PDB file of all heavy atoms in Angstrom:
ATOM      1  N   PHE A   1    -109.838 140.976  87.254  1.00  0.00           N
ATOM      2  CA  PHE A   1    -108.793 140.117  86.731  1.00  0.00           C
ATOM      3  C   PHE A   1    -107.545 140.918  86.422  1.00  0.00           C
ATOM      4  O   PHE A   1    -107.612 142.024  85.891  1.00  0.00           O
ATOM      5  CB  PHE A   1    -109.288 139.412  85.463  1.00  0.00           C
ATOM      6  CG  PHE A   1    -108.225 138.642  84.740  1.00  0.00           C
ATOM      7  CD1 PHE A   1    -107.845 137.379  85.169  1.00  0.00           C
ATOM      8  CD2 PHE A   1    -107.606 139.173  83.624  1.00  0.00           C
ATOM      9  CE1 PHE A   1    -106.869 136.662  84.502  1.00  0.00           C
ATOM     10  CE2 PHE A   1    -106.629 138.462  82.945  1.00  0.00           C
ATOM     11  CZ  PHE A   1    -106.262 137.208  83.392  1.00  0.00           C
ATOM     12  N   VAL A   2    -106.399 140.336  86.734  1.00  0.00           N
ATOM     13  CA  VAL A   2    -105.119 140.966  86.448  1.00  0.00           C
ATOM     14  C   VAL A   2    -104.358 140.195  85.379  1.00  0.00           C
ATOM     15  O   VAL A   2    -104.006 140.740  84.334  1.00  0.00           O
ATOM     16  CB  VAL A   2    -104.261 141.095  87.716  1.00  0.00           C
ATOM     17  CG1 VAL A   2    -102.888 141.658  87.377  1.00  0.00           C
ATOM     18  CG2 VAL A   2    -104.961 141.972  88.743  1.00  0.00           C
ATOM     19  N   ALA A   3    -104.093 138.936  85.646  1.00  0.00           N
ATOM     20  CA  ALA A   3    -103.297 138.139  84.720  1.00  0.00           C
ATOM     21  C   ALA A   3    -103.455 136.673  85.047  1.00  0.00           C
ATOM     22  O   ALA A   3    -103.768 136.311  86.176  1.00  0.00           O
ATOM     23  CB  ALA A   3    -101.817 138.542  84.789  1.00  0.00           C
ATOM     24  N   ALA A   4    -103.219 135.833  84.060  1.00  0.00           N
ATOM     25  CA  ALA A   4    -103.320 134.400  84.263  1.00  0.00           C
ATOM     26  C   ALA A   4    -102.298 133.670  83.414  1.00  0.00           C
ATOM     27  O   ALA A   4    -101.922 134.125  82.329  1.00  0.00           O
ATOM     28  CB  ALA A   4    -104.728 133.882  83.931  1.00  0.00           C
ATOM     29  N   LEU A   5    -101.876 132.538  83.910  1.00  0.00           N
ATOM     30  CA  LEU A   5    -100.930 131.676  83.221  1.00  0.00           C
ATOM     31  C   LEU A   5    -101.434 130.250  83.294  1.00  0.00           C
ATOM     32  O   LEU A   5    -101.714 129.741  84.377  1.00  0.00           O
ATOM     33  CB  LEU A   5     -99.542 131.789  83.854  1.00  0.00           C
ATOM     34  CG  LEU A   5     -98.469 130.830  83.340  1.00  0.00           C
ATOM     35  CD1 LEU A   5     -98.154 131.105  81.883  1.00  0.00           C
ATOM     36  CD2 LEU A   5     -97.209 130.938  84.190  1.00  0.00           C
ATOM     37  N   SER A   6    -101.543 129.612  82.128  1.00  0.00           N
ATOM     38  CA  SER A   6    -101.998 128.235  82.047  1.00  0.00           C
ATOM     39  C   SER A   6    -100.874 127.345  81.558  1.00  0.00           C
ATOM     40  O   SER A   6    -100.119 127.732  80.656  1.00  0.00           O
ATOM     41  CB  SER A   6    -103.199 128.104  81.108  1.00  0.00           C
ATOM     42  OG  SER A   6    -104.300 128.837  81.587  1.00  0.00           O
ATOM     43  N   TRP A   7    -100.808 126.157  82.137  1.00  0.00           N
ATOM     44  CA  TRP A   7     -99.774 125.202  81.764  1.00  0.00           C
ATOM     45  C   TRP A   7    -100.380 123.844  81.483  1.00  0.00           C
ATOM     46  O   TRP A   7    -101.287 123.398  82.192  1.00  0.00           O
ATOM     47  CB  TRP A   7     -98.728 125.077  82.867  1.00  0.00           C
ATOM     48  CG  TRP A   7     -97.849 126.270  82.959  1.00  0.00           C
ATOM     49  CD1 TRP A   7     -98.041 127.366  83.730  1.00  0.00           C
ATOM     50  CD2 TRP A   7     -96.639 126.495  82.228  1.00  0.00           C
ATOM     51  NE1 TRP A   7     -97.032 128.270  83.529  1.00  0.00           N
ATOM     52  CE2 TRP A   7     -96.152 127.757  82.616  1.00  0.00           C
ATOM     53  CE3 TRP A   7     -95.928 125.756  81.289  1.00  0.00           C
ATOM     54  CZ2 TRP A   7     -94.984 128.298  82.095  1.00  0.00           C
ATOM     55  CZ3 TRP A   7     -94.760 126.294  80.767  1.00  0.00           C
ATOM     56  CH2 TRP A   7     -94.304 127.540  81.170  1.00  0.00           C
ATOM     57  N   ALA A   8     -99.880 123.217  80.437  1.00  0.00           N
ATOM     58  CA  ALA A   8    -100.298 121.865  80.077  1.00  0.00           C
ATOM     59  C   ALA A   8     -99.067 121.059  79.722  1.00  0.00           C
ATOM     60  O   ALA A   8     -98.851 120.712  78.569  1.00  0.00           O
ATOM     61  CB  ALA A   8    -101.296 121.885  78.927  1.00  0.00           C
ATOM     62  N   GLY A   9     -98.257 120.797  80.707  1.00  0.00           N
ATOM     63  CA  GLY A   9     -97.064 120.002  80.516  1.00  0.00           C
ATOM     64  C   GLY A   9     -95.841 120.824  80.200  1.00  0.00           C
ATOM     65  O   GLY A   9     -95.110 121.245  81.103  1.00  0.00           O
ATOM     66  N   VAL A  10     -95.632 121.076  78.917  1.00  0.00           N
ATOM     67  CA  VAL A  10     -94.397 121.725  78.486  1.00  0.00           C
ATOM     68  C   VAL A  10     -94.603 123.138  77.966  1.00  0.00           C
ATOM     69  O   VAL A  10     -93.630 123.859  77.753  1.00  0.00           O
ATOM     70  CB  VAL A  10     -93.686 120.890  77.407  1.00  0.00           C
ATOM     71  CG1 VAL A  10     -93.280 119.536  77.970  1.00  0.00           C
ATOM     72  CG2 VAL A  10     -94.567 120.714  76.178  1.00  0.00           C
ATOM     73  N   THR A  11     -95.829 123.532  77.757  1.00  0.00           N
ATOM     74  CA  THR A  11     -96.098 124.856  77.222  1.00  0.00           C
ATOM     75  C   THR A  11     -97.040 125.628  78.125  1.00  0.00           C
ATOM     76  O   THR A  11     -97.771 125.052  78.926  1.00  0.00           O
ATOM     77  CB  THR A  11     -96.700 124.791  75.810  1.00  0.00           C
ATOM     78  OG1 THR A  11     -97.933 124.071  75.848  1.00  0.00           O
ATOM     79  CG2 THR A  11     -95.736 124.102  74.856  1.00  0.00           C
ATOM     80  N   GLY A  12     -97.020 126.931  77.969  1.00  0.00           N
ATOM     81  CA  GLY A  12     -97.874 127.778  78.759  1.00  0.00           C
ATOM     82  C   GLY A  12     -98.511 128.866  77.926  1.00  0.00           C
ATOM     83  O   GLY A  12     -98.017 129.239  76.867  1.00  0.00           O
ATOM     84  N   ILE A  13     -99.629 129.358  78.413  1.00  0.00           N
ATOM     85  CA  ILE A  13    -100.349 130.442  77.767  1.00  0.00           C
ATOM     86  C   ILE A  13    -100.596 131.522  78.804  1.00  0.00           C
ATOM     87  O   ILE A  13    -101.046 131.236  79.912  1.00  0.00           O
ATOM     88  CB  ILE A  13    -101.691 129.973  77.177  1.00  0.00           C
ATOM     89  CG1 ILE A  13    -101.481 128.825  76.192  1.00  0.00           C
ATOM     90  CG2 ILE A  13    -102.407 131.134  76.494  1.00  0.00           C
ATOM     91  CD1 ILE A  13    -102.771 128.204  75.710  1.00  0.00           C
ATOM     92  N   THR A  14    -100.315 132.750  78.441  1.00  0.00           N
ATOM     93  CA  THR A  14    -100.519 133.859  79.353  1.00  0.00           C
ATOM     94  C   THR A  14    -101.561 134.815  78.812  1.00  0.00           C
ATOM     95  O   THR A  14    -101.756 134.936  77.601  1.00  0.00           O
ATOM     96  CB  THR A  14     -99.219 134.632  79.606  1.00  0.00           C
ATOM     97  OG1 THR A  14     -98.740 135.195  78.374  1.00  0.00           O
ATOM     98  CG2 THR A  14     -98.155 133.721  80.190  1.00  0.00           C
ATOM     99  N   HIS A  15    -102.223 135.485  79.723  1.00  0.00           N
ATOM    100  CA  HIS A  15    -103.167 136.528  79.368  1.00  0.00           C
ATOM    101  C   HIS A  15    -103.068 137.624  80.413  1.00  0.00           C
ATOM    102  O   HIS A  15    -103.167 137.353  81.612  1.00  0.00           O
ATOM    103  CB  HIS A  15    -104.592 135.988  79.283  1.00  0.00           C
ATOM    104  CG  HIS A  15    -105.605 137.041  78.944  1.00  0.00           C
ATOM    105  ND1 HIS A  15    -105.626 137.666  77.726  1.00  0.00           N
ATOM    106  CD2 HIS A  15    -106.608 137.575  79.677  1.00  0.00           C
ATOM    107  CE1 HIS A  15    -106.611 138.553  77.713  1.00  0.00           C
ATOM    108  NE2 HIS A  15    -107.223 138.511  78.883  1.00  0.00           N
ATOM    109  N   ILE A  16    -102.886 138.839  79.951  1.00  0.00           N
ATOM    110  CA  ILE A  16    -102.788 139.995  80.825  1.00  0.00           C
ATOM    111  C   ILE A  16    -104.013 140.866  80.615  1.00  0.00           C
ATOM    112  O   ILE A  16    -104.436 141.104  79.481  1.00  0.00           O
ATOM    113  CB  ILE A  16    -101.511 140.812  80.547  1.00  0.00           C
ATOM    114  CG1 ILE A  16    -100.274 139.902  80.533  1.00  0.00           C
ATOM    115  CG2 ILE A  16    -101.356 141.918  81.578  1.00  0.00           C
ATOM    116  CD1 ILE A  16     -99.996 139.227  81.846  1.00  0.00           C
ATOM    117  N   GLY A  17    -104.574 141.334  81.702  1.00  0.00           N
ATOM    118  CA  GLY A  17    -105.786 142.116  81.617  1.00  0.00           C
ATOM    119  C   GLY A  17    -105.571 143.495  81.031  1.00  0.00           C
ATOM    120  O   GLY A  17    -104.453 144.026  81.004  1.00  0.00           O
ATOM    121  N   ASP A  18    -106.657 144.070  80.539  1.00  0.00           N
ATOM    122  CA  ASP A  18    -106.613 145.424  80.019  1.00  0.00           C
ATOM    123  C   ASP A  18    -106.169 146.393  81.112  1.00  0.00           C
ATOM    124  O   ASP A  18    -106.582 146.283  82.251  1.00  0.00           O
ATOM    125  CB  ASP A  18    -107.989 145.842  79.496  1.00  0.00           C
ATOM    126  CG  ASP A  18    -108.439 145.024  78.303  1.00  0.00           C
ATOM    127  OD1 ASP A  18    -107.580 144.390  77.658  1.00  0.00           O
ATOM    128  OD2 ASP A  18    -109.649 145.016  78.016  1.00  0.00           O
ATOM    129  N   GLY A  19    -105.344 147.327  80.728  1.00  0.00           N
ATOM    130  CA  GLY A  19    -104.822 148.286  81.686  1.00  0.00           C
ATOM    131  C   GLY A  19    -103.532 147.842  82.341  1.00  0.00           C
ATOM    132  O   GLY A  19    -102.828 148.661  82.939  1.00  0.00           O
ATOM    133  N   MET A  20    -103.230 146.561  82.263  1.00  0.00           N
ATOM    134  CA  MET A  20    -101.999 146.029  82.800  1.00  0.00           C
ATOM    135  C   MET A  20    -101.038 145.593  81.711  1.00  0.00           C
ATOM    136  O   MET A  20     -99.833 145.496  81.956  1.00  0.00           O
ATOM    137  CB  MET A  20    -102.271 144.840  83.720  1.00  0.00           C
ATOM    138  CG  MET A  20    -103.137 145.151  84.920  1.00  0.00           C
ATOM    139  SD  MET A  20    -104.883 144.892  84.510  1.00  0.00           S
ATOM    140  CE  MET A  20    -105.624 145.029  86.140  1.00  0.00           C
ATOM    141  N   ARG A  21    -101.592 145.314  80.550  1.00  0.00           N
ATOM    142  CA  ARG A  21    -100.770 144.856  79.435  1.00  0.00           C
ATOM    143  C   ARG A  21     -99.699 145.885  79.104  1.00  0.00           C
ATOM    144  O   ARG A  21     -99.985 147.063  78.957  1.00  0.00           O
ATOM    145  CB  ARG A  21    -101.660 144.581  78.225  1.00  0.00           C
ATOM    146  CG  ARG A  21    -101.043 143.664  77.179  1.00  0.00           C
ATOM    147  CD  ARG A  21    -102.104 143.219  76.170  1.00  0.00           C
ATOM    148  NE  ARG A  21    -103.180 142.470  76.806  1.00  0.00           N
ATOM    149  CZ  ARG A  21    -104.468 142.790  76.705  1.00  0.00           C
ATOM    150  NH1 ARG A  21    -104.839 143.829  75.983  1.00  0.00           N
ATOM    151  NH2 ARG A  21    -105.374 142.058  77.326  1.00  0.00           N
ATOM    152  N   GLY A  22     -98.471 145.411  79.015  1.00  0.00           N
ATOM    153  CA  GLY A  22     -97.352 146.305  78.775  1.00  0.00           C
ATOM    154  C   GLY A  22     -96.682 146.767  80.038  1.00  0.00           C
ATOM    155  O   GLY A  22     -95.550 147.270  79.987  1.00  0.00           O
ATOM    156  N   ARG A  23     -97.332 146.608  81.169  1.00  0.00           N
ATOM    157  CA  ARG A  23     -96.776 146.989  82.462  1.00  0.00           C
ATOM    158  C   ARG A  23     -96.546 145.795  83.372  1.00  0.00           C
ATOM    159  O   ARG A  23     -95.592 145.784  84.146  1.00  0.00           O
ATOM    160  CB  ARG A  23     -97.679 147.986  83.179  1.00  0.00           C
ATOM    161  CG  ARG A  23     -97.883 149.291  82.436  1.00  0.00           C
ATOM    162  CD  ARG A  23     -98.581 150.312  83.328  1.00  0.00           C
ATOM    163  NE  ARG A  23     -99.898 149.863  83.775  1.00  0.00           N
ATOM    164  CZ  ARG A  23    -100.257 149.733  85.047  1.00  0.00           C
ATOM    165  NH1 ARG A  23     -99.386 150.018  86.012  1.00  0.00           N
ATOM    166  NH2 ARG A  23    -101.480 149.336  85.359  1.00  0.00           N
ATOM    167  N   PHE A  24     -97.434 144.825  83.280  1.00  0.00           N
ATOM    168  CA  PHE A  24     -97.352 143.653  84.147  1.00  0.00           C
ATOM    169  C   PHE A  24     -96.904 142.443  83.344  1.00  0.00           C
ATOM    170  O   PHE A  24     -97.294 142.262  82.192  1.00  0.00           O
ATOM    171  CB  PHE A  24     -98.705 143.343  84.780  1.00  0.00           C
ATOM    172  CG  PHE A  24     -99.179 144.366  85.770  1.00  0.00           C
ATOM    173  CD1 PHE A  24     -98.488 145.552  85.978  1.00  0.00           C
ATOM    174  CD2 PHE A  24    -100.331 144.133  86.499  1.00  0.00           C
ATOM    175  CE1 PHE A  24     -98.932 146.491  86.889  1.00  0.00           C
ATOM    176  CE2 PHE A  24    -100.785 145.062  87.417  1.00  0.00           C
ATOM    177  CZ  PHE A  24    -100.092 146.238  87.614  1.00  0.00           C
ATOM    178  N   THR A  25     -96.116 141.609  83.970  1.00  0.00           N
ATOM    179  CA  THR A  25     -95.609 140.415  83.322  1.00  0.00           C
ATOM    180  C   THR A  25     -95.705 139.229  84.268  1.00  0.00           C
ATOM    181  O   THR A  25     -95.411 139.352  85.458  1.00  0.00           O
ATOM    182  CB  THR A  25     -94.144 140.598  82.880  1.00  0.00           C
ATOM    183  OG1 THR A  25     -94.043 141.715  81.998  1.00  0.00           O
ATOM    184  CG2 THR A  25     -93.643 139.355  82.151  1.00  0.00           C
ATOM    185  N   LEU A  26     -96.114 138.098  83.738  1.00  0.00           N
ATOM    186  CA  LEU A  26     -96.183 136.868  84.511  1.00  0.00           C
ATOM    187  C   LEU A  26     -94.987 135.979  84.204  1.00  0.00           C
ATOM    188  O   LEU A  26     -94.511 135.927  83.070  1.00  0.00           O
ATOM    189  CB  LEU A  26     -97.459 136.091  84.198  1.00  0.00           C
ATOM    190  CG  LEU A  26     -98.760 136.536  84.847  1.00  0.00           C
ATOM    191  CD1 LEU A  26     -99.889 135.628  84.378  1.00  0.00           C
ATOM    192  CD2 LEU A  26     -98.653 136.523  86.355  1.00  0.00           C
ATOM    193  N   SER A  27     -94.544 135.284  85.205  1.00  0.00           N
ATOM    194  CA  SER A  27     -93.528 134.273  85.011  1.00  0.00           C
ATOM    195  C   SER A  27     -93.760 133.154  86.010  1.00  0.00           C
ATOM    196  O   SER A  27     -94.443 133.333  87.024  1.00  0.00           O
ATOM    197  CB  SER A  27     -92.118 134.848  85.151  1.00  0.00           C
ATOM    198  OG  SER A  27     -91.911 135.371  86.450  1.00  0.00           O
ATOM    199  N   ARG A  28     -93.191 132.011  85.704  1.00  0.00           N
ATOM    200  CA  ARG A  28     -93.432 130.833  86.523  1.00  0.00           C
ATOM    201  C   ARG A  28     -92.126 130.115  86.809  1.00  0.00           C
ATOM    202  O   ARG A  28     -91.290 129.949  85.919  1.00  0.00           O
ATOM    203  CB  ARG A  28     -94.408 129.888  85.814  1.00  0.00           C
ATOM    204  CG  ARG A  28     -94.575 128.512  86.443  1.00  0.00           C
ATOM    205  CD  ARG A  28     -95.556 127.684  85.636  1.00  0.00           C
ATOM    206  NE  ARG A  28     -95.655 126.315  86.115  1.00  0.00           N
ATOM    207  CZ  ARG A  28     -94.939 125.313  85.657  1.00  0.00           C
ATOM    208  NH1 ARG A  28     -94.037 125.522  84.699  1.00  0.00           N
ATOM    209  NH2 ARG A  28     -95.099 124.093  86.144  1.00  0.00           N
ATOM    210  N   ASP A  29     -91.980 129.714  88.029  1.00  0.00           N
ATOM    211  CA  ASP A  29     -90.874 128.874  88.435  1.00  0.00           C
ATOM    212  C   ASP A  29     -91.470 127.520  88.778  1.00  0.00           C
ATOM    213  O   ASP A  29     -92.012 127.333  89.868  1.00  0.00           O
ATOM    214  CB  ASP A  29     -90.140 129.465  89.631  1.00  0.00           C
ATOM    215  CG  ASP A  29     -88.873 128.715  89.968  1.00  0.00           C
ATOM    216  OD1 ASP A  29     -88.830 127.487  89.791  1.00  0.00           O
ATOM    217  OD2 ASP A  29     -87.909 129.361  90.428  1.00  0.00           O
ATOM    218  N   SER A  30     -91.373 126.601  87.839  1.00  0.00           N
ATOM    219  CA  SER A  30     -91.998 125.298  88.030  1.00  0.00           C
ATOM    220  C   SER A  30     -91.333 124.500  89.135  1.00  0.00           C
ATOM    221  O   SER A  30     -91.986 123.722  89.835  1.00  0.00           O
ATOM    222  CB  SER A  30     -91.979 124.500  86.719  1.00  0.00           C
ATOM    223  OG  SER A  30     -90.654 124.321  86.251  1.00  0.00           O
TER     224      SER A  30
END
């Protein structure tokens, strides 16, 4: 696992895996 982004309408939740946190970033273009 690297990273995940969940969306439920207007809000989102992100989770970055160990070893990537601080280096990897998720973003979404809806």
